[in-house]
Amino acid sequence: MALQDDVVTDVGGDRRLRTALLIVGIVAVLVGVASLVLPHATLFAVAWVFGIYLVVSGLSMIVRAFARGIGTGRRIGLVVLGALILAGGIVALVAPPVGVRWIAFVIGFAWLVEGITLLYAPTPTNRALTIGAAVLSIVIGVLVINLPSIGAALAVVAIAGFLILFGIVQIALGVTVGRADRSATTAGRAA
């Protein structure tokens, strides 16, 4: 009797898990497709989210500047840096295209720094492959810095592609979850 109760509970859990996986998968595919169809809206949404983050981060830095035990030099530094971050967030919220350019610039700069770092990183294995990756990273970084719209468009396409792939995997998991357990349980009952 206890075995049957466990099986019933597992089936209910499988249904909830299946439903959750299917919902997440479908939403991921829809968001991925929407990102590909409406790349400008996606970029603006990213700029607004980034802008909100910068506003909150800037305000928090300014508030932290007035905490006890902060020296005058550090306090001034935190207020100035917080004000700059806050201003950047406001610009990203008010003028999303500018925010998108800054995000692309930061991504390009990160690729540039990563490439330079790879050139000087000790690699115990394939040095030629590491140099190739470093050069590629530097070239992509320079391109994205100089042509931020290309970098932003590539980021949207990459994220949309990952979302669609992730959604398909989630849907496949949702469709197949619990099948092996149910077929094993059914075979056990028949025996």
Protein backbone atom coordinates (compact mmCIF):
# COMPACT_ATOMS: atom_id res chain seq x y z
CA MET A 1 0.00 0.00 0.00
CA ALA A 2 2.81 2.41 0.86
CA LEU A 3 4.37 1.80 -2.55
CA GLN A 4 1.17 2.85 -4.29
CA ASP A 5 0.95 6.06 -2.20
CA ASP A 6 4.53 6.93 -3.17
CA VAL A 7 3.76 6.34 -6.82
CA VAL A 8 0.67 8.60 -6.67
CA THR A 9 2.70 11.35 -4.98
CA ASP A 10 5.46 11.04 -7.57
CA VAL A 11 2.96 11.27 -10.42
CA GLY A 12 1.52 14.48 -8.91
CA GLY A 13 5.04 15.84 -8.52
CA ASP A 14 5.80 14.85 -12.10
CA ARG A 15 2.76 16.77 -13.32
CA ARG A 16 3.79 19.91 -11.45
CA LEU A 17 7.36 19.59 -12.67
CA ARG A 18 6.20 18.91 -16.23
CA THR A 19 3.90 21.95 -16.14
CA ALA A 20 6.66 24.19 -14.76
CA LEU A 21 9.18 23.00 -17.36
CA LEU A 22 6.71 23.46 -20.21
CA ILE A 23 5.78 26.97 -19.06
CA VAL A 24 9.42 28.04 -18.67
CA GLY A 25 10.30 26.49 -22.03
CA ILE A 26 7.42 28.13 -23.89
CA VAL A 27 8.11 31.54 -22.33
CA ALA A 28 11.83 31.25 -23.17
CA VAL A 29 11.07 30.40 -26.81
CA LEU A 30 8.54 33.24 -27.07
CA VAL A 31 10.92 35.78 -25.51
CA GLY A 32 13.75 34.57 -27.76
CA VAL A 33 11.62 34.89 -30.89
CA ALA A 34 10.31 38.29 -29.77
CA SER A 35 13.91 39.43 -29.22
CA LEU A 36 14.81 38.43 -32.76
CA VAL A 37 11.70 40.03 -34.26
CA LEU A 38 11.91 43.24 -32.18
CA PRO A 39 15.64 43.78 -31.51
CA HIS A 40 15.29 47.54 -30.88
CA ALA A 41 12.60 47.00 -28.24
CA THR A 42 14.82 44.37 -26.62
CA LEU A 43 17.78 46.74 -26.57
CA PHE A 44 15.66 49.52 -25.08
CA ALA A 45 14.38 47.15 -22.39
CA VAL A 46 17.96 46.16 -21.55
CA ALA A 47 18.95 49.84 -21.42
CA TRP A 48 16.05 50.62 -19.07
CA VAL A 49 16.84 47.68 -16.77
CA PHE A 50 20.51 48.69 -16.79
CA GLY A 51 19.46 52.30 -16.12
CA ILE A 52 17.34 51.27 -13.13
CA TYR A 53 20.25 49.26 -11.78
CA LEU A 54 22.62 52.23 -12.17
CA VAL A 55 20.18 54.62 -10.44
CA VAL A 56 19.80 52.26 -7.48
CA SER A 57 23.54 51.56 -7.37
CA GLY A 58 24.43 55.28 -7.53
CA LEU A 59 21.96 56.18 -4.79
CA SER A 60 23.20 53.33 -2.62
CA MET A 61 26.79 54.50 -3.06
CA ILE A 62 25.84 58.04 -2.04
CA VAL A 63 24.01 56.72 1.05
CA ARG A 64 27.01 54.54 1.97
CA ALA A 65 29.23 57.61 1.81
CA PHE A 66 27.52 58.94 4.94
CA ALA A 67 27.97 55.79 7.02
CA ARG A 68 29.92 56.02 10.26
CA GLY A 69 33.65 55.50 10.14
CA ILE A 70 34.12 56.69 6.54
CA GLY A 71 37.04 59.06 6.08
CA THR A 72 36.54 62.42 4.36
CA GLY A 73 38.50 61.46 1.23
CA ARG A 74 36.64 58.21 0.82
CA ARG A 75 33.32 59.94 1.52
CA ILE A 76 33.96 62.49 -1.23
CA GLY A 77 35.04 59.71 -3.61
CA LEU A 78 31.88 57.69 -2.92
CA VAL A 79 29.62 60.73 -3.40
CA VAL A 80 31.31 61.70 -6.70
CA LEU A 81 31.32 58.13 -8.02
CA GLY A 82 27.73 57.59 -6.85
CA ALA A 83 26.63 60.80 -8.56
CA LEU A 84 28.33 59.75 -11.82
CA ILE A 85 26.70 56.31 -11.70
CA LEU A 86 23.34 57.90 -10.87
CA ALA A 87 23.72 60.30 -13.81
CA GLY A 88 24.57 57.40 -16.11
CA GLY A 89 21.44 55.57 -14.96
CA ILE A 90 19.26 58.61 -15.58
CA VAL A 91 20.74 58.99 -19.08
CA ALA A 92 20.06 55.29 -19.80
CA LEU A 93 16.44 55.72 -18.64
CA VAL A 94 15.78 58.99 -20.47
CA ALA A 95 17.71 58.20 -23.67
CA PRO A 96 17.81 54.39 -24.12
CA PRO A 97 19.87 54.53 -27.35
CA VAL A 98 22.68 56.19 -25.41
CA GLY A 99 22.35 53.50 -22.72
CA VAL A 100 22.60 50.78 -25.36
CA ARG A 101 25.76 52.36 -26.77
CA TRP A 102 27.32 52.45 -23.31
CA ILE A 103 26.43 48.82 -22.65
CA ALA A 104 27.99 47.85 -25.99
CA PHE A 105 31.04 49.97 -25.17
CA VAL A 106 31.48 48.18 -21.83
CA ILE A 107 31.14 44.78 -23.52
CA GLY A 108 33.69 45.78 -26.18
CA PHE A 109 36.08 47.07 -23.53
CA ALA A 110 35.71 43.81 -21.58
CA TRP A 111 36.58 41.80 -24.72
CA LEU A 112 39.58 44.03 -25.35
CA VAL A 113 40.87 43.60 -21.80
CA GLU A 114 40.21 39.84 -21.94
CA GLY A 115 42.25 39.56 -25.15
CA ILE A 116 45.16 41.50 -23.70
CA THR A 117 45.00 39.38 -20.56
CA LEU A 118 45.05 36.18 -22.61
CA LEU A 119 48.24 37.32 -24.34
CA TYR A 120 50.04 37.53 -21.01
CA ALA A 121 48.38 34.60 -19.27
CA PRO A 122 50.56 31.56 -18.67
CA THR A 123 49.15 28.64 -20.64
CA PRO A 124 50.53 25.17 -20.01
CA THR A 125 48.88 23.80 -23.16
CA ASN A 126 48.23 25.05 -26.69
CA ARG A 127 49.89 28.49 -26.83
CA ALA A 128 48.96 29.07 -30.49
CA LEU A 129 45.27 28.54 -29.72
CA THR A 130 45.48 30.94 -26.78
CA ILE A 131 47.13 33.61 -28.94
CA GLY A 132 44.46 33.08 -31.60
CA ALA A 133 41.70 33.52 -29.01
CA ALA A 134 43.44 36.63 -27.65
CA VAL A 135 43.73 38.23 -31.08
CA LEU A 136 40.10 37.38 -31.87
CA SER A 137 38.96 38.86 -28.57
CA ILE A 138 40.97 42.05 -29.18
CA VAL A 139 39.62 42.44 -32.72
CA ILE A 140 36.01 41.88 -31.60
CA GLY A 141 36.51 44.29 -28.70
CA VAL A 142 37.85 47.02 -30.98
CA LEU A 143 35.00 46.45 -33.47
CA VAL A 144 32.31 46.62 -30.78
CA ILE A 145 33.85 49.76 -29.26
CA ASN A 146 33.97 51.48 -32.64
CA LEU A 147 30.64 50.12 -33.93
CA PRO A 148 28.46 49.72 -30.82
CA SER A 149 25.30 49.04 -32.83
CA ILE A 150 26.88 45.87 -34.24
CA GLY A 151 27.88 44.74 -30.76
CA ALA A 152 24.41 45.40 -29.39
CA ALA A 153 22.75 43.58 -32.31
CA LEU A 154 25.07 40.59 -31.90
CA ALA A 155 24.32 40.48 -28.17
CA VAL A 156 20.56 40.42 -28.86
CA VAL A 157 20.93 37.66 -31.45
CA ALA A 158 23.14 35.58 -29.15
CA ILE A 159 20.83 35.97 -26.15
CA ALA A 160 17.75 35.25 -28.27
CA GLY A 161 19.42 32.14 -29.69
CA PHE A 162 20.30 30.89 -26.21
CA LEU A 163 16.76 31.57 -25.00
CA ILE A 164 15.23 29.65 -27.88
CA LEU A 165 17.62 26.72 -27.40
CA PHE A 166 17.05 26.75 -23.63
CA GLY A 167 13.28 26.84 -24.19
CA ILE A 168 13.38 23.88 -26.56
CA VAL A 169 15.40 21.86 -24.04
CA GLN A 170 12.98 22.79 -21.25
CA ILE A 171 9.99 21.79 -23.39
CA ALA A 172 11.66 18.48 -24.24
CA LEU A 173 12.32 17.87 -20.54
CA GLY A 174 8.73 18.77 -19.69
CA VAL A 175 7.38 16.33 -22.26
CA THR A 176 9.64 13.46 -21.16
CA VAL A 177 9.83 13.96 -17.36
CA GLY A 178 8.61 10.99 -15.41
CA ARG A 179 8.17 8.70 -18.43
CA ALA A 180 10.97 6.33 -17.39
CA ASP A 181 9.67 6.17 -13.81
CA ARG A 182 6.08 5.50 -14.94
CA SER A 183 7.11 2.78 -17.39
CA ALA A 184 9.27 1.11 -14.71
CA THR A 185 6.38 1.31 -12.22
CA THR A 186 3.93 -0.14 -14.75
CA ALA A 187 6.37 -2.97 -15.55
CA GLY A 188 6.76 -3.65 -11.80
CA ARG A 189 3.00 -3.92 -11.32
CA ALA A 190 2.66 -6.33 -14.24
CA ALA A 191 5.28 -8.63 -12.77
